[in-house]
Amino acid sequence: MKEVNLKGTPINGLVEFVMKELTPQQYQDVLAKIPPEQQKYFSGHMLAHELVPVSIVNKFTEYSADVKKEPLKLFARRAGRHGAEIGLKTVYKFILLVLSIDAVLRKAPLMWTRVYDGGVINVESGVGKATISVTEFPSHPAVCGRITGWFEVIGERAGAKDMRLVHDSCAAEGGKVCRWSFSWKP
């Protein structure tokens, strides 16, 4: 499978989250586990267009969760929520104010390309429900957790009432694809 890259802005959000969660010494311990030539990605100063392999970002997330002594998927989900909160303070803030949750989810493939340079995202939606599937993407509990956190915040900010989100199929855990199922009160 082709290496998929993540753009710089979400990585900066992840670094901000990790630096809030860990002590300075714990953060240095995480960086010490990363090869020196890759440590530059986690300075918090990546440019928006810069790309980093998702596999490296997953390792950073994994090491951070381990140092924090928190389950990886939970830590990654919280990191994804934090990153979404940061991202939604820009132009996306206004999109979420004017579009319905259904319309926002249908825009997910476009939003995906603003973050990742690979993977195929498919959205199926209906009244009060939607499913997002991701294929041709290097699944890992860290990236799936971060994506889940993003999706949660997007649904909440788009005004979905009583939204429920389940990552009901994960390629990292033996599923054929990664799939998230959304439901809300229409």
C-alpha atoms as a PDB file:
ATOM      1  CA  MET A   1       0.000   0.000   0.000  1.00  0.00           C
ATOM      2  CA  LYS A   2       1.213   3.496  -0.868  1.00  0.00           C
ATOM      3  CA  GLU A   3       2.403   5.614   2.066  1.00  0.00           C
ATOM      4  CA  VAL A   4      -0.205   8.228   2.980  1.00  0.00           C
ATOM      5  CA  ASN A   5       0.861  11.584   4.355  1.00  0.00           C
ATOM      6  CA  LEU A   6      -0.749  13.996   6.775  1.00  0.00           C
ATOM      7  CA  LYS A   7      -0.489  17.752   6.286  1.00  0.00           C
ATOM      8  CA  GLY A   8       1.288  20.000   8.773  1.00  0.00           C
ATOM      9  CA  THR A   9      -1.591  21.828  10.449  1.00  0.00           C
ATOM     10  CA  PRO A  10      -3.163  18.734  12.079  1.00  0.00           C
ATOM     11  CA  ILE A  11       0.283  17.652  13.265  1.00  0.00           C
ATOM     12  CA  ASN A  12       0.746  21.016  14.985  1.00  0.00           C
ATOM     13  CA  GLY A  13      -2.595  20.456  16.734  1.00  0.00           C
ATOM     14  CA  LEU A  14      -1.481  17.004  17.830  1.00  0.00           C
ATOM     15  CA  VAL A  15       1.771  18.413  19.202  1.00  0.00           C
ATOM     16  CA  GLU A  16      -0.147  21.104  21.095  1.00  0.00           C
ATOM     17  CA  PHE A  17      -2.394  18.432  22.600  1.00  0.00           C
ATOM     18  CA  VAL A  18       0.519  16.196  23.578  1.00  0.00           C
ATOM     19  CA  MET A  19       2.417  19.089  25.145  1.00  0.00           C
ATOM     20  CA  LYS A  20      -0.656  19.918  27.264  1.00  0.00           C
ATOM     21  CA  GLU A  21      -1.060  16.293  28.332  1.00  0.00           C
ATOM     22  CA  LEU A  22       2.549  15.458  29.158  1.00  0.00           C
ATOM     23  CA  THR A  23       5.134  17.026  31.393  1.00  0.00           C
ATOM     24  CA  PRO A  24       8.142  18.573  29.596  1.00  0.00           C
ATOM     25  CA  GLN A  25      10.231  15.551  30.626  1.00  0.00           C
ATOM     26  CA  GLN A  26       7.609  13.102  29.330  1.00  0.00           C
ATOM     27  CA  TYR A  27       7.512  15.005  26.040  1.00  0.00           C
ATOM     28  CA  GLN A  28      11.300  14.743  25.767  1.00  0.00           C
ATOM     29  CA  ASP A  29      11.017  11.003  26.522  1.00  0.00           C
ATOM     30  CA  VAL A  30       8.595  10.650  23.594  1.00  0.00           C
ATOM     31  CA  LEU A  31      10.898  12.555  21.251  1.00  0.00           C
ATOM     32  CA  ALA A  32      13.830  10.397  22.347  1.00  0.00           C
ATOM     33  CA  LYS A  33      11.995   7.339  20.944  1.00  0.00           C
ATOM     34  CA  ILE A  34      11.709   8.966  17.514  1.00  0.00           C
ATOM     35  CA  PRO A  35      14.635   8.906  15.075  1.00  0.00           C
ATOM     36  CA  PRO A  36      16.473  12.262  15.150  1.00  0.00           C
ATOM     37  CA  GLU A  37      15.664  13.073  11.510  1.00  0.00           C
ATOM     38  CA  GLN A  38      11.920  12.736  12.279  1.00  0.00           C
ATOM     39  CA  GLN A  39      11.849  14.772  15.501  1.00  0.00           C
ATOM     40  CA  LYS A  40      11.546  18.013  13.498  1.00  0.00           C
ATOM     41  CA  TYR A  41       7.971  17.050  12.579  1.00  0.00           C
ATOM     42  CA  PHE A  42       6.921  17.396  16.210  1.00  0.00           C
ATOM     43  CA  SER A  43       8.156  20.920  16.960  1.00  0.00           C
ATOM     44  CA  GLY A  44       4.669  22.416  16.609  1.00  0.00           C
ATOM     45  CA  HIS A  45       5.887  24.630  13.764  1.00  0.00           C
ATOM     46  CA  MET A  46       5.024  22.648  10.634  1.00  0.00           C
ATOM     47  CA  LEU A  47       3.821  24.668   7.661  1.00  0.00           C
ATOM     48  CA  ALA A  48       0.306  23.855   6.478  1.00  0.00           C
ATOM     49  CA  HIS A  49       1.456  22.328   3.177  1.00  0.00           C
ATOM     50  CA  GLU A  50       4.231  20.156   4.642  1.00  0.00           C
ATOM     51  CA  LEU A  51       3.597  16.412   4.585  1.00  0.00           C
ATOM     52  CA  VAL A  52       4.554  13.736   7.100  1.00  0.00           C
ATOM     53  CA  PRO A  53       3.926  10.010   6.669  1.00  0.00           C
ATOM     54  CA  VAL A  54       0.917   8.911   8.729  1.00  0.00           C
ATOM     55  CA  SER A  55       2.990   5.992  10.052  1.00  0.00           C
ATOM     56  CA  ILE A  56       5.383   8.439  11.770  1.00  0.00           C
ATOM     57  CA  VAL A  57       2.492  10.445  13.246  1.00  0.00           C
ATOM     58  CA  ASN A  58       0.965   7.191  14.502  1.00  0.00           C
ATOM     59  CA  LYS A  59       4.210   6.295  16.293  1.00  0.00           C
ATOM     60  CA  PHE A  60       4.328   9.735  17.920  1.00  0.00           C
ATOM     61  CA  THR A  61       0.722   9.276  19.086  1.00  0.00           C
ATOM     62  CA  GLU A  62       1.444   5.738  20.301  1.00  0.00           C
ATOM     63  CA  TYR A  63       4.553   6.788  22.253  1.00  0.00           C
ATOM     64  CA  SER A  64       2.677   9.724  23.793  1.00  0.00           C
ATOM     65  CA  ALA A  65      -0.228   7.540  24.926  1.00  0.00           C
ATOM     66  CA  ASP A  66       2.233   5.038  26.376  1.00  0.00           C
ATOM     67  CA  VAL A  67       4.076   7.712  28.371  1.00  0.00           C
ATOM     68  CA  LYS A  68       0.709   9.083  29.559  1.00  0.00           C
ATOM     69  CA  LYS A  69      -0.284   5.498  30.500  1.00  0.00           C
ATOM     70  CA  GLU A  70      -3.585   5.860  28.653  1.00  0.00           C
ATOM     71  CA  PRO A  71      -5.112   3.395  26.171  1.00  0.00           C
ATOM     72  CA  LEU A  72      -4.012   4.368  22.672  1.00  0.00           C
ATOM     73  CA  LYS A  73      -7.458   4.618  21.079  1.00  0.00           C
ATOM     74  CA  LEU A  74      -8.784   6.818  23.893  1.00  0.00           C
ATOM     75  CA  PHE A  75      -5.734   9.087  23.836  1.00  0.00           C
ATOM     76  CA  ALA A  76      -5.850   9.336  20.039  1.00  0.00           C
ATOM     77  CA  ARG A  77      -9.587  10.117  20.074  1.00  0.00           C
ATOM     78  CA  ARG A  78      -9.024  12.944  22.547  1.00  0.00           C
ATOM     79  CA  ALA A  79      -6.148  14.192  20.373  1.00  0.00           C
ATOM     80  CA  GLY A  80      -8.420  14.106  17.317  1.00  0.00           C
ATOM     81  CA  ARG A  81     -11.084  16.092  19.159  1.00  0.00           C
ATOM     82  CA  HIS A  82      -8.492  18.686  20.139  1.00  0.00           C
ATOM     83  CA  GLY A  83      -7.252  18.928  16.557  1.00  0.00           C
ATOM     84  CA  ALA A  84     -10.786  19.342  15.236  1.00  0.00           C
ATOM     85  CA  GLU A  85     -11.491  22.115  17.723  1.00  0.00           C
ATOM     86  CA  ILE A  86      -8.433  23.974  16.444  1.00  0.00           C
ATOM     87  CA  GLY A  87      -9.288  23.325  12.796  1.00  0.00           C
ATOM     88  CA  LEU A  88     -12.857  24.451  13.203  1.00  0.00           C
ATOM     89  CA  LYS A  89     -11.809  27.905  14.346  1.00  0.00           C
ATOM     90  CA  THR A  90     -10.998  28.772  10.734  1.00  0.00           C
ATOM     91  CA  VAL A  91     -13.133  28.769   7.593  1.00  0.00           C
ATOM     92  CA  TYR A  92     -14.789  25.482   8.566  1.00  0.00           C
ATOM     93  CA  LYS A  93     -16.438  27.263  11.488  1.00  0.00           C
ATOM     94  CA  PHE A  94     -18.690  29.137   9.078  1.00  0.00           C
ATOM     95  CA  ILE A  95     -19.417  26.071   6.975  1.00  0.00           C
ATOM     96  CA  LEU A  96     -20.703  24.259  10.046  1.00  0.00           C
ATOM     97  CA  LEU A  97     -22.940  27.184  10.940  1.00  0.00           C
ATOM     98  CA  VAL A  98     -24.799  27.162   7.622  1.00  0.00           C
ATOM     99  CA  LEU A  99     -24.861  23.513   6.565  1.00  0.00           C
ATOM    100  CA  SER A 100     -26.887  20.646   8.010  1.00  0.00           C
ATOM    101  CA  ILE A 101     -25.089  17.647   9.474  1.00  0.00           C
ATOM    102  CA  ASP A 102     -26.038  15.654   6.385  1.00  0.00           C
ATOM    103  CA  ALA A 103     -24.517  18.290   4.082  1.00  0.00           C
ATOM    104  CA  VAL A 104     -21.381  18.517   6.223  1.00  0.00           C
ATOM    105  CA  LEU A 105     -20.868  14.752   6.100  1.00  0.00           C
ATOM    106  CA  ARG A 106     -21.316  14.740   2.324  1.00  0.00           C
ATOM    107  CA  LYS A 107     -18.439  17.267   2.216  1.00  0.00           C
ATOM    108  CA  ALA A 108     -16.188  14.842   4.118  1.00  0.00           C
ATOM    109  CA  PRO A 109     -14.315  13.673   0.980  1.00  0.00           C
ATOM    110  CA  LEU A 110     -13.325  17.271   0.192  1.00  0.00           C
ATOM    111  CA  MET A 111     -12.286  17.915   3.791  1.00  0.00           C
ATOM    112  CA  TRP A 112     -10.322  14.631   3.744  1.00  0.00           C
ATOM    113  CA  THR A 113      -8.138  15.855   0.866  1.00  0.00           C
ATOM    114  CA  ARG A 114      -7.261  18.948   2.888  1.00  0.00           C
ATOM    115  CA  VAL A 115      -5.712  16.707   5.552  1.00  0.00           C
ATOM    116  CA  TYR A 116      -4.479  13.505   3.834  1.00  0.00           C
ATOM    117  CA  ASP A 117      -2.886  12.916   0.433  1.00  0.00           C
ATOM    118  CA  GLY A 118      -4.300   9.410   0.087  1.00  0.00           C
ATOM    119  CA  GLY A 119      -7.094   7.089   1.003  1.00  0.00           C
ATOM    120  CA  VAL A 120     -10.550   6.878  -0.505  1.00  0.00           C
ATOM    121  CA  ILE A 121     -13.497   8.104   1.529  1.00  0.00           C
ATOM    122  CA  ASN A 122     -17.095   7.180   0.762  1.00  0.00           C
ATOM    123  CA  VAL A 123     -20.159   8.727   2.405  1.00  0.00           C
ATOM    124  CA  GLU A 124     -23.620   7.185   2.436  1.00  0.00           C
ATOM    125  CA  SER A 125     -26.270   9.262   4.145  1.00  0.00           C
ATOM    126  CA  GLY A 126     -29.954   9.164   4.877  1.00  0.00           C
ATOM    127  CA  VAL A 127     -32.415  10.765   7.248  1.00  0.00           C
ATOM    128  CA  GLY A 128     -30.782  10.829  10.666  1.00  0.00           C
ATOM    129  CA  LYS A 129     -27.926   8.540   9.724  1.00  0.00           C
ATOM    130  CA  ALA A 130     -24.739   8.298   7.711  1.00  0.00           C
ATOM    131  CA  THR A 131     -21.847   5.951   7.161  1.00  0.00           C
ATOM    132  CA  ILE A 132     -18.322   6.969   6.226  1.00  0.00           C
ATOM    133  CA  SER A 133     -15.957   4.297   4.910  1.00  0.00           C
ATOM    134  CA  VAL A 134     -12.256   4.715   4.272  1.00  0.00           C
ATOM    135  CA  THR A 135     -10.287   2.395   2.009  1.00  0.00           C
ATOM    136  CA  GLU A 136      -6.793   2.379   0.503  1.00  0.00           C
ATOM    137  CA  PHE A 137      -5.546   3.867   3.744  1.00  0.00           C
ATOM    138  CA  PRO A 138      -2.987   2.555   6.271  1.00  0.00           C
ATOM    139  CA  SER A 139      -5.255   1.779   9.186  1.00  0.00           C
ATOM    140  CA  HIS A 140      -3.814   1.899  12.703  1.00  0.00           C
ATOM    141  CA  PRO A 141      -5.483   2.392  16.114  1.00  0.00           C
ATOM    142  CA  ALA A 142      -3.800   5.809  16.472  1.00  0.00           C
ATOM    143  CA  VAL A 143      -5.064   7.258  13.195  1.00  0.00           C
ATOM    144  CA  CYS A 144      -8.499   5.676  13.618  1.00  0.00           C
ATOM    145  CA  GLY A 145      -8.760   7.206  17.084  1.00  0.00           C
ATOM    146  CA  ARG A 146      -7.752  10.642  15.803  1.00  0.00           C
ATOM    147  CA  ILE A 147     -10.263  10.415  12.951  1.00  0.00           C
ATOM    148  CA  THR A 148     -13.012   9.328  15.357  1.00  0.00           C
ATOM    149  CA  GLY A 149     -12.340  12.379  17.523  1.00  0.00           C
ATOM    150  CA  TRP A 150     -12.500  14.625  14.461  1.00  0.00           C
ATOM    151  CA  PHE A 151     -15.803  13.121  13.338  1.00  0.00           C
ATOM    152  CA  GLU A 152     -17.291  13.536  16.819  1.00  0.00           C
ATOM    153  CA  VAL A 153     -16.509  17.230  16.943  1.00  0.00           C
ATOM    154  CA  ILE A 154     -17.690  17.850  13.391  1.00  0.00           C
ATOM    155  CA  GLY A 155     -21.030  16.192  14.163  1.00  0.00           C
ATOM    156  CA  GLU A 156     -21.432  18.156  17.381  1.00  0.00           C
ATOM    157  CA  ARG A 157     -20.531  21.493  15.771  1.00  0.00           C
ATOM    158  CA  ALA A 158     -22.826  20.843  12.811  1.00  0.00           C
ATOM    159  CA  GLY A 159     -25.736  20.711  15.239  1.00  0.00           C
ATOM    160  CA  ALA A 160     -26.472  16.985  15.178  1.00  0.00           C
ATOM    161  CA  LYS A 161     -28.875  16.383  18.075  1.00  0.00           C
ATOM    162  CA  ASP A 162     -28.154  13.309  20.197  1.00  0.00           C
ATOM    163  CA  MET A 163     -25.472  12.232  17.742  1.00  0.00           C
ATOM    164  CA  ARG A 164     -24.056   8.773  18.188  1.00  0.00           C
ATOM    165  CA  LEU A 165     -20.860   7.760  16.415  1.00  0.00           C
ATOM    166  CA  VAL A 166     -19.455   4.246  16.297  1.00  0.00           C
ATOM    167  CA  HIS A 167     -16.271   3.090  14.578  1.00  0.00           C
ATOM    168  CA  ASP A 168     -17.936  -0.222  13.816  1.00  0.00           C
ATOM    169  CA  SER A 169     -15.346  -1.678  11.453  1.00  0.00           C
ATOM    170  CA  CYS A 170     -11.614  -1.151  11.696  1.00  0.00           C
ATOM    171  CA  ALA A 171      -9.088  -2.480   9.192  1.00  0.00           C
ATOM    172  CA  ALA A 172      -6.443  -2.341  11.950  1.00  0.00           C
ATOM    173  CA  GLU A 173      -8.533  -4.833  13.906  1.00  0.00           C
ATOM    174  CA  GLY A 174      -9.361  -7.222  11.069  1.00  0.00           C
ATOM    175  CA  GLY A 175     -12.238  -5.386   9.357  1.00  0.00           C
ATOM    176  CA  LYS A 176     -12.356  -5.157   5.581  1.00  0.00           C
ATOM    177  CA  VAL A 177     -12.518  -1.350   5.753  1.00  0.00           C
ATOM    178  CA  CYS A 178     -12.602   1.363   8.352  1.00  0.00           C
ATOM    179  CA  ARG A 179     -16.204   2.471   8.783  1.00  0.00           C
ATOM    180  CA  TRP A 180     -17.866   4.996  11.064  1.00  0.00           C
ATOM    181  CA  SER A 181     -21.630   4.966  11.537  1.00  0.00           C
ATOM    182  CA  PHE A 182     -23.401   8.149  12.590  1.00  0.00           C
ATOM    183  CA  SER A 183     -26.942   8.513  13.852  1.00  0.00           C
ATOM    184  CA  TRP A 184     -28.781  11.573  15.166  1.00  0.00           C
ATOM    185  CA  LYS A 185     -32.234  12.943  15.679  1.00  0.00           C
ATOM    186  CA  PRO A 186     -33.342  14.455  12.359  1.00  0.00           C
END
